[in-house]
Amino acid sequence: MVVIFDPEKVLTDTESCRFGAWKEMAREQGILYDAAFDAQLQGLDRVARLQSILNRAHRSYTPAERMALLTRQWDLQDEMMQKLGGDSLRPGAEQMVKALKKNKIRIGAVMTDGMPGRVLGYLPVRTQFDVISRKEDILSQLSDVQLKLSAAPGECLLVTAFPGSAKAARSLGMQALLCGQADDHAVILQQIMAIMPDFDEQKTFYGGNYAG
């Protein structure tokens, strides 16, 4: 069995970095970007989000300028995530990942909003992952993890907070566990265990070895 984490909102919380980077990038262009506007853009990919922001500008932007702004937003977000470091891990997340590894479960990482290496790169938990995909889109990332871990689609379980990513995993024949941002990690771990076929060592997740 392979467990594939979509870290944001499941293992990590970097929302403040993402919002702050978009806001600063927009400010540099003289464009207002606040929480209300950000909420309107939820669900858009980075390119569509940028275009929505630039629609508020007083001039047009060339494709090269738009690409530079996307890079600028990434660099700003990267700086903020680096400063946040281990504080971006949700309580109980590291213990859950280590519990899976202790029971010889292979784990990978993809990311719906951005590249997983950028988020996990500043966290000590990154060493627990067997594969961190850096492909551009969620379907490519999922296929990349599956291929590198030599797993059949039915052996892969995606754990994500994004309904679209869960749908993408199922379209590839994978299983998907859709989590809420406030879900307790002990509960998430129990749900993962319940999905695993013929797993005989579930008791080793408990007995003091895991603290959610």
Protein backbone atom coordinates (compact mmCIF):
# COMPACT_ATOMS: atom_id res chain seq x y z
CA MET A 1 0.00 0.00 0.00
CA VAL A 2 1.19 3.51 -0.86
CA VAL A 3 -0.14 6.55 0.98
CA ILE A 4 0.20 9.78 -1.01
CA PHE A 5 -0.19 13.00 0.94
CA ASP A 6 -1.36 16.28 -0.54
CA PRO A 7 0.28 18.20 2.34
CA GLU A 8 -1.55 21.52 2.39
CA LYS A 9 -4.38 21.53 4.98
CA VAL A 10 -3.61 17.88 5.84
CA LEU A 11 -0.01 18.00 7.10
CA THR A 12 0.79 21.68 6.74
CA ASP A 13 -0.88 25.06 6.94
CA THR A 14 0.88 27.59 4.72
CA GLU A 15 -2.22 29.61 3.88
CA SER A 16 -0.75 32.74 5.45
CA CYS A 17 2.33 32.42 3.20
CA ARG A 18 0.28 31.92 0.06
CA PHE A 19 -2.01 34.84 0.84
CA GLY A 20 0.86 37.09 1.90
CA ALA A 21 2.82 36.37 -1.29
CA TRP A 22 -0.09 37.16 -3.59
CA LYS A 23 -0.87 40.30 -1.62
CA GLU A 24 2.72 41.57 -1.80
CA MET A 25 3.06 40.75 -5.50
CA ALA A 26 -0.16 42.66 -6.21
CA ARG A 27 0.93 45.58 -4.02
CA GLU A 28 4.13 45.88 -6.04
CA GLN A 29 1.94 46.33 -9.10
CA GLY A 30 -0.29 48.89 -7.41
CA ILE A 31 -3.21 46.45 -7.15
CA LEU A 32 -5.38 46.00 -4.06
CA TYR A 33 -5.45 42.42 -2.82
CA ASP A 34 -7.33 41.72 0.40
CA ALA A 35 -8.97 38.77 2.14
CA ALA A 36 -12.33 39.36 0.45
CA PHE A 37 -10.76 39.34 -3.03
CA ASP A 38 -8.68 36.29 -2.14
CA ALA A 39 -11.84 34.42 -1.14
CA GLN A 40 -13.36 35.13 -4.55
CA LEU A 41 -10.37 33.45 -6.22
CA GLN A 42 -10.48 30.19 -4.26
CA GLY A 43 -10.39 27.17 -6.56
CA LEU A 44 -8.50 28.92 -9.36
CA ASP A 45 -5.10 27.69 -10.46
CA ARG A 46 -2.14 30.09 -10.27
CA VAL A 47 -2.41 31.30 -13.86
CA ALA A 48 -6.12 32.04 -13.57
CA ARG A 49 -5.60 33.71 -10.21
CA LEU A 50 -2.91 35.97 -11.62
CA GLN A 51 -5.11 36.94 -14.55
CA SER A 52 -7.93 37.86 -12.17
CA ILE A 53 -5.54 40.05 -10.20
CA LEU A 54 -4.17 41.73 -13.31
CA ASN A 55 -7.71 42.48 -14.47
CA ARG A 56 -7.64 45.10 -11.73
CA ALA A 57 -4.53 46.76 -13.14
CA HIS A 58 -4.52 49.94 -15.19
CA ARG A 59 -2.45 48.44 -17.99
CA SER A 60 -2.03 45.21 -19.90
CA TYR A 61 0.79 42.72 -19.31
CA THR A 62 2.79 40.75 -21.84
CA PRO A 63 3.11 36.95 -21.50
CA ALA A 64 6.71 37.44 -20.36
CA GLU A 65 5.62 39.91 -17.69
CA ARG A 66 2.92 37.54 -16.44
CA MET A 67 5.45 34.73 -16.20
CA ALA A 68 7.80 37.00 -14.25
CA LEU A 69 4.99 37.86 -11.83
CA LEU A 70 4.21 34.18 -11.26
CA THR A 71 7.89 33.62 -10.48
CA ARG A 72 7.88 36.64 -8.16
CA GLN A 73 4.86 35.29 -6.27
CA TRP A 74 6.58 31.91 -5.89
CA ASP A 75 9.77 33.52 -4.61
CA LEU A 76 7.83 35.57 -2.06
CA GLN A 77 5.91 32.52 -0.90
CA ASP A 78 9.12 30.52 -0.71
CA GLU A 79 10.72 33.15 1.53
CA MET A 80 7.70 33.18 3.82
CA MET A 81 7.56 29.38 4.05
CA GLN A 82 11.27 29.26 4.85
CA LYS A 83 10.73 31.69 7.73
CA LEU A 84 7.72 29.72 8.97
CA GLY A 85 9.65 26.45 8.85
CA GLY A 86 8.44 23.72 11.16
CA ASP A 87 5.70 25.97 12.49
CA SER A 88 3.76 25.23 9.30
CA LEU A 89 3.25 21.61 10.40
CA ARG A 90 -0.19 20.93 11.82
CA PRO A 91 -0.24 19.40 15.33
CA GLY A 92 0.05 15.62 15.13
CA ALA A 93 1.07 15.57 11.47
CA GLU A 94 4.68 14.51 12.01
CA GLN A 95 3.68 11.76 14.44
CA MET A 96 1.16 10.40 11.93
CA VAL A 97 3.73 10.26 9.13
CA LYS A 98 6.28 8.58 11.37
CA ALA A 99 3.69 6.04 12.50
CA LEU A 100 3.07 5.05 8.88
CA LYS A 101 6.79 4.73 8.20
CA LYS A 102 7.31 2.69 11.34
CA ASN A 103 4.82 0.21 9.94
CA LYS A 104 6.69 0.05 6.63
CA ILE A 105 4.10 1.98 4.66
CA ARG A 106 5.59 3.74 1.64
CA ILE A 107 4.58 7.38 1.40
CA GLY A 108 4.75 9.99 -1.31
CA ALA A 109 3.78 13.63 -1.67
CA VAL A 110 1.98 15.64 -4.32
CA MET A 111 0.52 19.10 -4.06
CA THR A 112 -2.60 20.66 -5.52
CA ASP A 113 -1.58 24.30 -5.05
CA GLY A 114 2.08 24.47 -6.00
CA MET A 115 5.04 22.12 -5.84
CA PRO A 116 5.35 19.84 -2.80
CA GLY A 117 9.11 20.17 -2.58
CA ARG A 118 8.75 23.88 -1.88
CA VAL A 119 6.52 23.21 1.14
CA LEU A 120 8.19 20.09 2.52
CA GLY A 121 11.73 21.25 1.82
CA TYR A 122 11.89 23.32 5.00
CA LEU A 123 10.42 20.66 7.28
CA PRO A 124 12.21 17.88 9.17
CA VAL A 125 9.40 15.49 8.16
CA ARG A 126 10.58 15.60 4.51
CA THR A 127 13.04 12.78 5.22
CA GLN A 128 10.11 10.43 5.88
CA PHE A 129 8.86 10.60 2.28
CA ASP A 130 9.94 8.01 -0.26
CA VAL A 131 8.93 10.20 -3.22
CA ILE A 132 8.13 13.91 -3.51
CA SER A 133 6.82 14.62 -7.01
CA ARG A 134 7.71 17.90 -8.67
CA LYS A 135 5.59 17.56 -11.80
CA GLU A 136 3.43 20.48 -12.88
CA ASP A 137 -0.14 19.22 -12.38
CA ILE A 138 -1.89 16.92 -9.94
CA LEU A 139 -2.52 14.10 -12.45
CA SER A 140 1.12 14.06 -13.49
CA GLN A 141 2.26 14.16 -9.85
CA LEU A 142 0.04 11.22 -8.89
CA SER A 143 1.23 9.16 -11.85
CA ASP A 144 4.83 10.08 -11.04
CA VAL A 145 4.57 8.79 -7.47
CA GLN A 146 2.82 5.62 -8.60
CA LEU A 147 5.51 4.92 -11.19
CA LYS A 148 8.47 5.64 -8.92
CA LEU A 149 7.09 3.40 -6.16
CA SER A 150 6.13 0.65 -8.62
CA ALA A 151 2.58 0.50 -7.28
CA ALA A 152 -0.65 -0.41 -9.03
CA PRO A 153 -3.28 2.37 -9.02
CA GLY A 154 -5.50 0.39 -6.66
CA GLU A 155 -2.65 0.19 -4.16
CA CYS A 156 -2.41 3.99 -3.92
CA LEU A 157 -4.38 6.08 -1.45
CA LEU A 158 -4.38 9.86 -1.80
CA VAL A 159 -5.01 11.81 1.40
CA THR A 160 -6.10 15.33 0.48
CA ALA A 161 -8.24 18.26 1.54
CA PHE A 162 -9.04 19.19 -2.07
CA PRO A 163 -12.12 17.58 -3.72
CA GLY A 164 -10.70 18.13 -7.21
CA SER A 165 -7.53 16.23 -6.32
CA ALA A 166 -9.56 13.36 -4.85
CA LYS A 167 -11.51 13.21 -8.10
CA ALA A 168 -8.26 13.18 -10.11
CA ALA A 169 -6.92 10.27 -8.05
CA ARG A 170 -10.09 8.26 -8.55
CA SER A 171 -9.95 8.91 -12.29
CA LEU A 172 -6.58 7.12 -12.28
CA GLY A 173 -8.03 4.17 -10.40
CA MET A 174 -6.57 5.23 -7.06
CA GLN A 175 -8.39 5.45 -3.77
CA ALA A 176 -8.86 8.84 -2.11
CA LEU A 177 -9.49 10.01 1.44
CA LEU A 178 -10.94 13.54 1.58
CA CYS A 179 -10.09 15.26 4.87
CA GLY A 180 -11.33 18.41 6.52
CA GLN A 181 -8.76 20.97 7.61
CA ALA A 182 -9.83 20.58 11.24
CA ASP A 183 -9.74 16.76 11.25
CA ASP A 184 -7.73 15.25 14.08
CA HIS A 185 -4.72 13.28 12.85
CA ALA A 186 -5.56 10.27 15.00
CA VAL A 187 -8.88 10.11 13.15
CA ILE A 188 -7.17 10.49 9.77
CA LEU A 189 -4.78 7.68 10.70
CA GLN A 190 -7.68 5.42 11.67
CA GLN A 191 -9.35 6.15 8.34
CA ILE A 192 -6.15 5.30 6.46
CA MET A 193 -5.85 2.04 8.38
CA ALA A 194 -9.46 1.14 7.65
CA ILE A 195 -8.87 1.47 3.90
CA MET A 196 -5.70 -0.63 3.88
CA PRO A 197 -6.45 -4.21 2.79
CA ASP A 198 -5.25 -7.10 4.95
CA PHE A 199 -3.17 -4.91 7.23
CA ASP A 200 -2.30 -7.02 10.29
CA GLU A 201 -0.16 -4.59 12.31
CA GLN A 202 -2.70 -1.87 13.06
CA LYS A 203 -2.21 -2.27 16.80
CA THR A 204 1.34 -0.96 16.50
CA PHE A 205 0.00 2.49 15.66
CA TYR A 206 -1.24 2.73 19.22
CA GLY A 207 -0.05 1.64 22.66
CA GLY A 208 1.80 4.92 23.21
CA ASN A 209 3.59 4.92 19.85
CA TYR A 210 1.33 7.55 18.33
CA ALA A 211 0.09 10.73 19.90
CA GLY A 212 -2.42 12.63 17.81
